[in-house]
Amino acid sequence: KVIGGQRYWRLPVMEGEFLLSESFGVQKKSVAGGN
């Protein structure tokens, strides 16, 4: 399903449905190791 320009997927599971985003954004200039 496309909602607000974003595509989501509905996966059938034994409990009902699992809803998740199709894609995930990437922050390229993030920082690790501050200490």
ModelCIF file with pLDDT and N, C-alpha, C, O atoms, coordinates in Angstrom:
data_MODEL
#
_entry.id   MODEL 
#
_entity.id                         1 
_entity.type                       polymer 
_entity.pdbx_number_of_molecules   1 
#
_entity_poly.entity_id                      1 
_entity_poly.type                           'polypeptide(L)' 
_entity_poly.nstd_linkage                   no 
_entity_poly.nstd_monomer                   no 
_entity_poly.pdbx_seq_one_letter_code       KVIGGQRYWRLPVMEGEFLLSESFGVQKKSVAGGN 
_entity_poly.pdbx_seq_one_letter_code_can   KVIGGQRYWRLPVMEGEFLLSESFGVQKKSVAGGN 
_entity_poly.pdbx_strand_id                 A 
#
loop_
_entity_poly_seq.entity_id 
_entity_poly_seq.num 
_entity_poly_seq.mon_id 
_entity_poly_seq.hetero 
1 1  LYS n 
1 2  VAL n 
1 3  ILE n 
1 4  GLY n 
1 5  GLY n 
1 6  GLN n 
1 7  ARG n 
1 8  TYR n 
1 9  TRP n 
1 10 ARG n 
1 11 LEU n 
1 12 PRO n 
1 13 VAL n 
1 14 MET n 
1 15 GLU n 
1 16 GLY n 
1 17 GLU n 
1 18 PHE n 
1 19 LEU n 
1 20 LEU n 
1 21 SER n 
1 22 GLU n 
1 23 SER n 
1 24 PHE n 
1 25 GLY n 
1 26 VAL n 
1 27 GLN n 
1 28 LYS n 
1 29 LYS n 
1 30 SER n 
1 31 VAL n 
1 32 ALA n 
1 33 GLY n 
1 34 GLY n 
1 35 ASN n 
#
_struct_asym.id          A 
_struct_asym.entity_id   1 
#
loop_
_ma_qa_metric.id 
_ma_qa_metric.mode 
_ma_qa_metric.name 
_ma_qa_metric.software_group_id 
_ma_qa_metric.type 
1 global pLDDT . pLDDT 
2 local  pLDDT . pLDDT 
#
_ma_qa_metric_global.metric_id      1 
_ma_qa_metric_global.metric_value   95.31 
_ma_qa_metric_global.model_id       1 
_ma_qa_metric_global.ordinal_id     1 
#
loop_
_ma_qa_metric_local.label_asym_id 
_ma_qa_metric_local.label_comp_id 
_ma_qa_metric_local.label_seq_id 
_ma_qa_metric_local.metric_id 
_ma_qa_metric_local.metric_value 
_ma_qa_metric_local.model_id 
_ma_qa_metric_local.ordinal_id 
A LYS 1  2 94.00 1 1  
A VAL 2  2 95.00 1 2  
A ILE 3  2 92.00 1 3  
A GLY 4  2 89.00 1 4  
A GLY 5  2 89.00 1 5  
A GLN 6  2 92.00 1 6  
A ARG 7  2 96.00 1 7  
A TYR 8  2 98.00 1 8  
A TRP 9  2 98.00 1 9  
A ARG 10 2 98.00 1 10 
A LEU 11 2 98.00 1 11 
A PRO 12 2 98.00 1 12 
A VAL 13 2 98.00 1 13 
A MET 14 2 98.00 1 14 
A GLU 15 2 96.00 1 15 
A GLY 16 2 97.00 1 16 
A GLU 17 2 97.00 1 17 
A PHE 18 2 98.00 1 18 
A LEU 19 2 98.00 1 19 
A LEU 20 2 97.00 1 20 
A SER 21 2 98.00 1 21 
A GLU 22 2 98.00 1 22 
A SER 23 2 98.00 1 23 
A PHE 24 2 98.00 1 24 
A GLY 25 2 98.00 1 25 
A VAL 26 2 98.00 1 26 
A GLN 27 2 96.00 1 27 
A LYS 28 2 93.00 1 28 
A LYS 29 2 91.00 1 29 
A SER 30 2 95.00 1 30 
A VAL 31 2 94.00 1 31 
A ALA 32 2 91.00 1 32 
A GLY 33 2 87.00 1 33 
A GLY 34 2 91.00 1 34 
A ASN 35 2 94.00 1 35 
#
loop_
_atom_site.group_PDB 
_atom_site.id 
_atom_site.type_symbol 
_atom_site.label_atom_id 
_atom_site.label_alt_id 
_atom_site.label_comp_id 
_atom_site.label_asym_id 
_atom_site.label_entity_id 
_atom_site.label_seq_id 
_atom_site.pdbx_PDB_ins_code 
_atom_site.Cartn_x 
_atom_site.Cartn_y 
_atom_site.Cartn_z 
_atom_site.occupancy 
_atom_site.B_iso_or_equiv 
_atom_site.pdbx_formal_charge 
_atom_site.auth_seq_id 
_atom_site.auth_comp_id 
_atom_site.auth_asym_id 
_atom_site.auth_atom_id 
_atom_site.pdbx_PDB_model_num 
ATOM 1   N N  . LYS A 1 1  ? 0.848  -1.183  0.000  1.00 94.00 ? 1  LYS A N  1 
ATOM 2   C CA . LYS A 1 1  ? 0.000  0.000   0.000  1.00 94.00 ? 1  LYS A CA 1 
ATOM 3   C C  . LYS A 1 1  ? 0.889  1.241   0.000  1.00 94.00 ? 1  LYS A C  1 
ATOM 4   O O  . LYS A 1 1  ? 1.912  1.282   0.684  1.00 94.00 ? 1  LYS A O  1 
ATOM 5   N N  . VAL A 1 2  ? 0.492  2.246   -0.770 1.00 95.00 ? 2  VAL A N  1 
ATOM 6   C CA . VAL A 1 2  ? 1.206  3.519   -0.768 1.00 95.00 ? 2  VAL A CA 1 
ATOM 7   C C  . VAL A 1 2  ? 0.361  4.532   -0.012 1.00 95.00 ? 2  VAL A C  1 
ATOM 8   O O  . VAL A 1 2  ? -0.780 4.810   -0.383 1.00 95.00 ? 2  VAL A O  1 
ATOM 9   N N  . ILE A 1 3  ? 0.937  5.080   1.056  1.00 92.00 ? 3  ILE A N  1 
ATOM 10  C CA . ILE A 1 3  ? 0.250  6.059   1.892  1.00 92.00 ? 3  ILE A CA 1 
ATOM 11  C C  . ILE A 1 3  ? 1.167  7.258   2.065  1.00 92.00 ? 3  ILE A C  1 
ATOM 12  O O  . ILE A 1 3  ? 2.293  7.112   2.541  1.00 92.00 ? 3  ILE A O  1 
ATOM 13  N N  . GLY A 1 4  ? 0.701  8.439   1.685  1.00 89.00 ? 4  GLY A N  1 
ATOM 14  C CA . GLY A 1 4  ? 1.513  9.639   1.825  1.00 89.00 ? 4  GLY A CA 1 
ATOM 15  C C  . GLY A 1 4  ? 2.817  9.574   1.063  1.00 89.00 ? 4  GLY A C  1 
ATOM 16  O O  . GLY A 1 4  ? 3.822  10.140  1.495  1.00 89.00 ? 4  GLY A O  1 
ATOM 17  N N  . GLY A 1 5  ? 2.810  8.886   -0.070 1.00 89.00 ? 5  GLY A N  1 
ATOM 18  C CA . GLY A 1 5  ? 4.013  8.760   -0.881 1.00 89.00 ? 5  GLY A CA 1 
ATOM 19  C C  . GLY A 1 5  ? 4.976  7.700   -0.414 1.00 89.00 ? 5  GLY A C  1 
ATOM 20  O O  . GLY A 1 5  ? 6.016  7.503   -1.042 1.00 89.00 ? 5  GLY A O  1 
ATOM 21  N N  . GLN A 1 6  ? 4.668  7.003   0.677  1.00 92.00 ? 6  GLN A N  1 
ATOM 22  C CA . GLN A 1 6  ? 5.531  5.949   1.198  1.00 92.00 ? 6  GLN A CA 1 
ATOM 23  C C  . GLN A 1 6  ? 4.865  4.590   0.979  1.00 92.00 ? 6  GLN A C  1 
ATOM 24  O O  . GLN A 1 6  ? 3.666  4.435   1.207  1.00 92.00 ? 6  GLN A O  1 
ATOM 25  N N  . ARG A 1 7  ? 5.652  3.610   0.536  1.00 96.00 ? 7  ARG A N  1 
ATOM 26  C CA . ARG A 1 7  ? 5.103  2.275   0.324  1.00 96.00 ? 7  ARG A CA 1 
ATOM 27  C C  . ARG A 1 7  ? 5.316  1.409   1.574  1.00 96.00 ? 7  ARG A C  1 
ATOM 28  O O  . ARG A 1 7  ? 6.391  1.395   2.174  1.00 96.00 ? 7  ARG A O  1 
ATOM 29  N N  . TYR A 1 8  ? 4.262  0.699   1.936  1.00 98.00 ? 8  TYR A N  1 
ATOM 30  C CA . TYR A 1 8  ? 4.288  -0.218  3.067  1.00 98.00 ? 8  TYR A CA 1 
ATOM 31  C C  . TYR A 1 8  ? 3.892  -1.613  2.590  1.00 98.00 ? 8  TYR A C  1 
ATOM 32  O O  . TYR A 1 8  ? 3.222  -1.778  1.570  1.00 98.00 ? 8  TYR A O  1 
ATOM 33  N N  . TRP A 1 9  ? 4.326  -2.609  3.361  1.00 98.00 ? 9  TRP A N  1 
ATOM 34  C CA . TRP A 1 9  ? 3.982  -3.994  3.046  1.00 98.00 ? 9  TRP A CA 1 
ATOM 35  C C  . TRP A 1 9  ? 3.223  -4.621  4.204  1.00 98.00 ? 9  TRP A C  1 
ATOM 36  O O  . TRP A 1 9  ? 3.564  -4.433  5.371  1.00 98.00 ? 9  TRP A O  1 
ATOM 37  N N  . ARG A 1 10 ? 2.185  -5.372  3.852  1.00 98.00 ? 10 ARG A N  1 
ATOM 38  C CA . ARG A 1 10 ? 1.400  -6.123  4.832  1.00 98.00 ? 10 ARG A CA 1 
ATOM 39  C C  . ARG A 1 10 ? 1.685  -7.606  4.627  1.00 98.00 ? 10 ARG A C  1 
ATOM 40  O O  . ARG A 1 10 ? 1.316  -8.190  3.608  1.00 98.00 ? 10 ARG A O  1 
ATOM 41  N N  . LEU A 1 11 ? 2.347  -8.201  5.610  1.00 98.00 ? 11 LEU A N  1 
ATOM 42  C CA . LEU A 1 11 ? 2.733  -9.607  5.521  1.00 98.00 ? 11 LEU A CA 1 
ATOM 43  C C  . LEU A 1 11 ? 1.801  -10.443 6.394  1.00 98.00 ? 11 LEU A C  1 
ATOM 44  O O  . LEU A 1 11 ? 1.636  -10.145 7.577  1.00 98.00 ? 11 LEU A O  1 
ATOM 45  N N  . PRO A 1 12 ? 1.195  -11.476 5.834  1.00 98.00 ? 12 PRO A N  1 
ATOM 46  C CA . PRO A 1 12 ? 0.338  -12.338 6.658  1.00 98.00 ? 12 PRO A CA 1 
ATOM 47  C C  . PRO A 1 12 ? 1.174  -13.165 7.630  1.00 98.00 ? 12 PRO A C  1 
ATOM 48  O O  . PRO A 1 12 ? 2.170  -13.779 7.247  1.00 98.00 ? 12 PRO A O  1 
ATOM 49  N N  . VAL A 1 13 ? 0.756  -13.169 8.878  1.00 98.00 ? 13 VAL A N  1 
ATOM 50  C CA . VAL A 1 13 ? 1.381  -13.998 9.914  1.00 98.00 ? 13 VAL A CA 1 
ATOM 51  C C  . VAL A 1 13 ? 0.260  -14.713 10.674 1.00 98.00 ? 13 VAL A C  1 
ATOM 52  O O  . VAL A 1 13 ? -0.912 -14.375 10.509 1.00 98.00 ? 13 VAL A O  1 
ATOM 53  N N  . MET A 1 14 ? 0.603  -15.677 11.487 1.00 98.00 ? 14 MET A N  1 
ATOM 54  C CA . MET A 1 14 ? -0.414 -16.491 12.157 1.00 98.00 ? 14 MET A CA 1 
ATOM 55  C C  . MET A 1 14 ? -1.303 -15.668 13.081 1.00 98.00 ? 14 MET A C  1 
ATOM 56  O O  . MET A 1 14 ? -2.448 -16.039 13.338 1.00 98.00 ? 14 MET A O  1 
ATOM 57  N N  . GLU A 1 15 ? -0.788 -14.572 13.572 1.00 96.00 ? 15 GLU A N  1 
ATOM 58  C CA . GLU A 1 15 ? -1.534 -13.706 14.484 1.00 96.00 ? 15 GLU A CA 1 
ATOM 59  C C  . GLU A 1 15 ? -2.435 -12.726 13.731 1.00 96.00 ? 15 GLU A C  1 
ATOM 60  O O  . GLU A 1 15 ? -3.431 -12.253 14.278 1.00 96.00 ? 15 GLU A O  1 
ATOM 61  N N  . GLY A 1 16 ? -2.085 -12.419 12.466 1.00 97.00 ? 16 GLY A N  1 
ATOM 62  C CA . GLY A 1 16 ? -2.831 -11.444 11.682 1.00 97.00 ? 16 GLY A CA 1 
ATOM 63  C C  . GLY A 1 16 ? -1.973 -10.903 10.560 1.00 97.00 ? 16 GLY A C  1 
ATOM 64  O O  . GLY A 1 16 ? -1.774 -11.579 9.551  1.00 97.00 ? 16 GLY A O  1 
ATOM 65  N N  . GLU A 1 17 ? -1.449 -9.665  10.725 1.00 97.00 ? 17 GLU A N  1 
ATOM 66  C CA . GLU A 1 17 ? -0.582 -9.057  9.724  1.00 97.00 ? 17 GLU A CA 1 
ATOM 67  C C  . GLU A 1 17 ? 0.580  -8.328  10.380 1.00 97.00 ? 17 GLU A C  1 
ATOM 68  O O  . GLU A 1 17 ? 0.461  -7.787  11.479 1.00 97.00 ? 17 GLU A O  1 
ATOM 69  N N  . PHE A 1 18 ? 1.704  -8.327  9.679  1.00 98.00 ? 18 PHE A N  1 
ATOM 70  C CA . PHE A 1 18 ? 2.866  -7.535  10.070 1.00 98.00 ? 18 PHE A CA 1 
ATOM 71  C C  . PHE A 1 18 ? 3.014  -6.416  9.059  1.00 98.00 ? 18 PHE A C  1 
ATOM 72  O O  . PHE A 1 18 ? 3.150  -6.678  7.864  1.00 98.00 ? 18 PHE A O  1 
ATOM 73  N N  . LEU A 1 19 ? 2.991  -5.180  9.515  1.00 98.00 ? 19 LEU A N  1 
ATOM 74  C CA . LEU A 1 19 ? 3.095  -4.012  8.660  1.00 98.00 ? 19 LEU A CA 1 
ATOM 75  C C  . LEU A 1 19 ? 4.489  -3.413  8.788  1.00 98.00 ? 19 LEU A C  1 
ATOM 76  O O  . LEU A 1 19 ? 4.969  -3.182  9.897  1.00 98.00 ? 19 LEU A O  1 
ATOM 77  N N  . LEU A 1 20 ? 5.148  -3.159  7.641  1.00 97.00 ? 20 LEU A N  1 
ATOM 78  C CA . LEU A 1 20 ? 6.464  -2.533  7.693  1.00 97.00 ? 20 LEU A CA 1 
ATOM 79  C C  . LEU A 1 20 ? 6.684  -1.639  6.485  1.00 97.00 ? 20 LEU A C  1 
ATOM 80  O O  . LEU A 1 20 ? 6.076  -1.823  5.431  1.00 97.00 ? 20 LEU A O  1 
ATOM 81  N N  . SER A 1 21 ? 7.569  -0.667  6.665  1.00 98.00 ? 21 SER A N  1 
ATOM 82  C CA . SER A 1 21 ? 7.958  0.223   5.572  1.00 98.00 ? 21 SER A CA 1 
ATOM 83  C C  . SER A 1 21 ? 8.771  -0.558  4.548  1.00 98.00 ? 21 SER A C  1 
ATOM 84  O O  . SER A 1 21 ? 9.528  -1.463  4.898  1.00 98.00 ? 21 SER A O  1 
ATOM 85  N N  . GLU A 1 22 ? 8.605  -0.193  3.269  1.00 98.00 ? 22 GLU A N  1 
ATOM 86  C CA . GLU A 1 22 ? 9.391  -0.854  2.226  1.00 98.00 ? 22 GLU A CA 1 
ATOM 87  C C  . GLU A 1 22 ? 10.849 -0.433  2.274  1.00 98.00 ? 22 GLU A C  1 
ATOM 88  O O  . GLU A 1 22 ? 11.742 -1.253  2.061  1.00 98.00 ? 22 GLU A O  1 
ATOM 89  N N  . SER A 1 23 ? 11.099 0.856   2.556  1.00 98.00 ? 23 SER A N  1 
ATOM 90  C CA . SER A 1 23 ? 12.472 1.352   2.555  1.00 98.00 ? 23 SER A CA 1 
ATOM 91  C C  . SER A 1 23 ? 12.738 2.168   3.816  1.00 98.00 ? 23 SER A C  1 
ATOM 92  O O  . SER A 1 23 ? 11.817 2.635   4.487  1.00 98.00 ? 23 SER A O  1 
ATOM 93  N N  . PHE A 1 24 ? 14.023 2.321   4.116  1.00 98.00 ? 24 PHE A N  1 
ATOM 94  C CA . PHE A 1 24 ? 14.449 3.046   5.306  1.00 98.00 ? 24 PHE A CA 1 
ATOM 95  C C  . PHE A 1 24 ? 15.491 4.093   4.914  1.00 98.00 ? 24 PHE A C  1 
ATOM 96  O O  . PHE A 1 24 ? 16.407 3.821   4.138  1.00 98.00 ? 24 PHE A O  1 
ATOM 97  N N  . GLY A 1 25 ? 15.331 5.288   5.464  1.00 98.00 ? 25 GLY A N  1 
ATOM 98  C CA . GLY A 1 25 ? 16.249 6.366   5.158  1.00 98.00 ? 25 GLY A CA 1 
ATOM 99  C C  . GLY A 1 25 ? 17.627 6.155   5.766  1.00 98.00 ? 25 GLY A C  1 
ATOM 100 O O  . GLY A 1 25 ? 17.776 5.504   6.800  1.00 98.00 ? 25 GLY A O  1 
ATOM 101 N N  . VAL A 1 26 ? 18.636 6.721   5.098  1.00 98.00 ? 26 VAL A N  1 
ATOM 102 C CA . VAL A 1 26 ? 20.018 6.621   5.557  1.00 98.00 ? 26 VAL A CA 1 
ATOM 103 C C  . VAL A 1 26 ? 20.566 8.020   5.817  1.00 98.00 ? 26 VAL A C  1 
ATOM 104 O O  . VAL A 1 26 ? 20.480 8.902   4.962  1.00 98.00 ? 26 VAL A O  1 
ATOM 105 N N  . GLN A 1 27 ? 21.122 8.207   6.990  1.00 96.00 ? 27 GLN A N  1 
ATOM 106 C CA . GLN A 1 27 ? 21.835 9.453   7.314  1.00 96.00 ? 27 GLN A CA 1 
ATOM 107 C C  . GLN A 1 27 ? 23.314 9.190   7.048  1.00 96.00 ? 27 GLN A C  1 
ATOM 108 O O  . GLN A 1 27 ? 23.948 8.426   7.776  1.00 96.00 ? 27 GLN A O  1 
ATOM 109 N N  . LYS A 1 28 ? 23.867 9.819   6.007  1.00 93.00 ? 28 LYS A N  1 
ATOM 110 C CA . LYS A 1 28 ? 25.228 9.469   5.581  1.00 93.00 ? 28 LYS A CA 1 
ATOM 111 C C  . LYS A 1 28 ? 26.323 10.053  6.461  1.00 93.00 ? 28 LYS A C  1 
ATOM 112 O O  . LYS A 1 28 ? 27.369 9.426   6.630  1.00 93.00 ? 28 LYS A O  1 
ATOM 113 N N  . LYS A 1 29 ? 26.113 11.224  7.017  1.00 91.00 ? 29 LYS A N  1 
ATOM 114 C CA . LYS A 1 29 ? 27.174 11.868  7.803  1.00 91.00 ? 29 LYS A CA 1 
ATOM 115 C C  . LYS A 1 29 ? 26.891 11.762  9.293  1.00 91.00 ? 29 LYS A C  1 
ATOM 116 O O  . LYS A 1 29 ? 26.915 12.756  10.019 1.00 91.00 ? 29 LYS A O  1 
ATOM 117 N N  . SER A 1 30 ? 26.624 10.551  9.731  1.00 95.00 ? 30 SER A N  1 
ATOM 118 C CA . SER A 1 30 ? 26.440 10.326  11.163 1.00 95.00 ? 30 SER A CA 1 
ATOM 119 C C  . SER A 1 30 ? 27.795 10.057  11.807 1.00 95.00 ? 30 SER A C  1 
ATOM 120 O O  . SER A 1 30 ? 28.799 9.869   11.120 1.00 95.00 ? 30 SER A O  1 
ATOM 121 N N  . VAL A 1 31 ? 27.807 10.041  13.134 1.00 94.00 ? 31 VAL A N  1 
ATOM 122 C CA . VAL A 1 31 ? 29.073 9.991   13.875 1.00 94.00 ? 31 VAL A CA 1 
ATOM 123 C C  . VAL A 1 31 ? 29.012 8.896   14.931 1.00 94.00 ? 31 VAL A C  1 
ATOM 124 O O  . VAL A 1 31 ? 28.035 8.793   15.672 1.00 94.00 ? 31 VAL A O  1 
ATOM 125 N N  . ALA A 1 32 ? 30.052 8.084   14.996 1.00 91.00 ? 32 ALA A N  1 
ATOM 126 C CA . ALA A 1 32 ? 30.153 7.067   16.037 1.00 91.00 ? 32 ALA A CA 1 
ATOM 127 C C  . ALA A 1 32 ? 31.475 7.219   16.775 1.00 91.00 ? 32 ALA A C  1 
ATOM 128 O O  . ALA A 1 32 ? 32.461 7.691   16.210 1.00 91.00 ? 32 ALA A O  1 
ATOM 129 N N  . GLY A 1 33 ? 31.486 6.821   18.023 1.00 87.00 ? 33 GLY A N  1 
ATOM 130 C CA . GLY A 1 33 ? 32.726 6.796   18.782 1.00 87.00 ? 33 GLY A CA 1 
ATOM 131 C C  . GLY A 1 33 ? 32.995 8.015   19.635 1.00 87.00 ? 33 GLY A C  1 
ATOM 132 O O  . GLY A 1 33 ? 34.087 8.141   20.187 1.00 87.00 ? 33 GLY A O  1 
ATOM 133 N N  . GLY A 1 34 ? 32.024 8.931   19.763 1.00 91.00 ? 34 GLY A N  1 
ATOM 134 C CA . GLY A 1 34 ? 32.205 10.001  20.739 1.00 91.00 ? 34 GLY A CA 1 
ATOM 135 C C  . GLY A 1 34 ? 32.360 9.387   22.120 1.00 91.00 ? 34 GLY A C  1 
ATOM 136 O O  . GLY A 1 34 ? 31.630 8.454   22.457 1.00 91.00 ? 34 GLY A O  1 
ATOM 137 N N  . ASN A 1 35 ? 33.277 9.874   22.919 1.00 94.00 ? 35 ASN A N  1 
ATOM 138 C CA . ASN A 1 35 ? 33.515 9.206   24.204 1.00 94.00 ? 35 ASN A CA 1 
ATOM 139 C C  . ASN A 1 35 ? 34.075 10.145  25.254 1.00 94.00 ? 35 ASN A C  1 
ATOM 140 O O  . ASN A 1 35 ? 34.327 9.727   26.384 1.00 94.00 ? 35 ASN A O  1 
#
